[in-house]
Amino acid sequence: MCILYDCNELETSCSSCLGRNLVGFTCGWCSNECAVTEECSHTFLTTTAMCPLPIIDSVQPNRGPTARGTHVYISGTDLGASYSDVIEVSLQSVTGTSVSCLLAGEETYVLGRGIVCVTPSVMLGGNYVLKVRIQRESIAEMVSAPYSYEEPRLTAVDPAFGPKSGGIEVVISGSSLSIGNIHNTGILLNGVECEIISILDTHISCVSGEFQGSMFGVSVAVVAFIDNANVSGDGVKFTYREDPVYFSVSPQRVIPAGGINLTLTGMNFDVVVEPVFVYTDARLSGSVGVLYTYLSYCVAFTVFFTGWTV
């Protein structure tokens, strides 16, 4: 079987270029590009000892909770010619204490360009230095980047209650809420998942889910999951209440121009912060009108035909 390849198209850094030789290619580093020896008019490197020093371009995320389990993605150049060249990844505090960041496995390694490690837990947050040791033939090189451990906190929830059917936007305020892996962040309201809309460092917005339990009117602590950290706050609680129930509207007939005050009767209207009543009418070809309300009062929507019934 014949395989056609272009070394320069395969890799763009020295160590990743030489790493290709371990899987059957015959590439070498020629000046600033990956090439075969026949195309090289400069010094042709075939060992990583002469490669440029490793460089870290980014660490994502570069902030995580003090609880263990944050997957950290380290991107750069010349980060080894194989997974076995990554000797160690560690996190060192300002006091000099060092802990190991566990390598996530060979399947997560990107030749010469990417390393993934999983952070351990620490007692106290603060600024750390993430250090990566790379083996280059008989030489071990160290490269570093900043990382910080933080303790996320919840300080408020607004609104603090909502209907059991869910569907309302809830904003949870706090600090250090955008640390860690965003896709591993979640919110529970009374044990019900709240669908995330947006995450910022000072607040998380989500849409409440449907509550199917029987404990209505009970305030339960809001819980945020940030990687493996479970976060709650003193007094930050949410209450599921019975859904609003609509009984009647008066008057039931209004003029086409609208502008008539309507009185709606029912129960639990105050469970929704900004209640909105919706009507449908067959004569509107399936369109929907909205009656904006303050508690049980609203103003009739303008229509262009005589008399209709809500």
Foldseek 3Di string as FASTA:
>chain_A
DDDDDFLQVVDFFQLQSLLVVVVPDQWWDADRGIGHPVPHPHDTHNFQVPGDAWAWDDWVPQEEALAWFFKIKTFTAQQHSAPVQWPFKWKAAPVGDIDGFAWPDRVQDDGRTITITIGHHDDDKDKIKIWIWGDGPPDIDIDIDIGIHDHWAWDEKPPQEAALQWFDKMKTFTAQFPDGDNVQKWKAAVNFTFAWDDDDGTITITTTHHHDDDDAPDWDWMWMTHRNDTYTYVPHTHGYHHDKDWDDKPPFKDFQQWFDKIFTDTPDLVNDVFDKDKDADVVVVGDIDIWGDDRGITTTDHHDDGIDGD
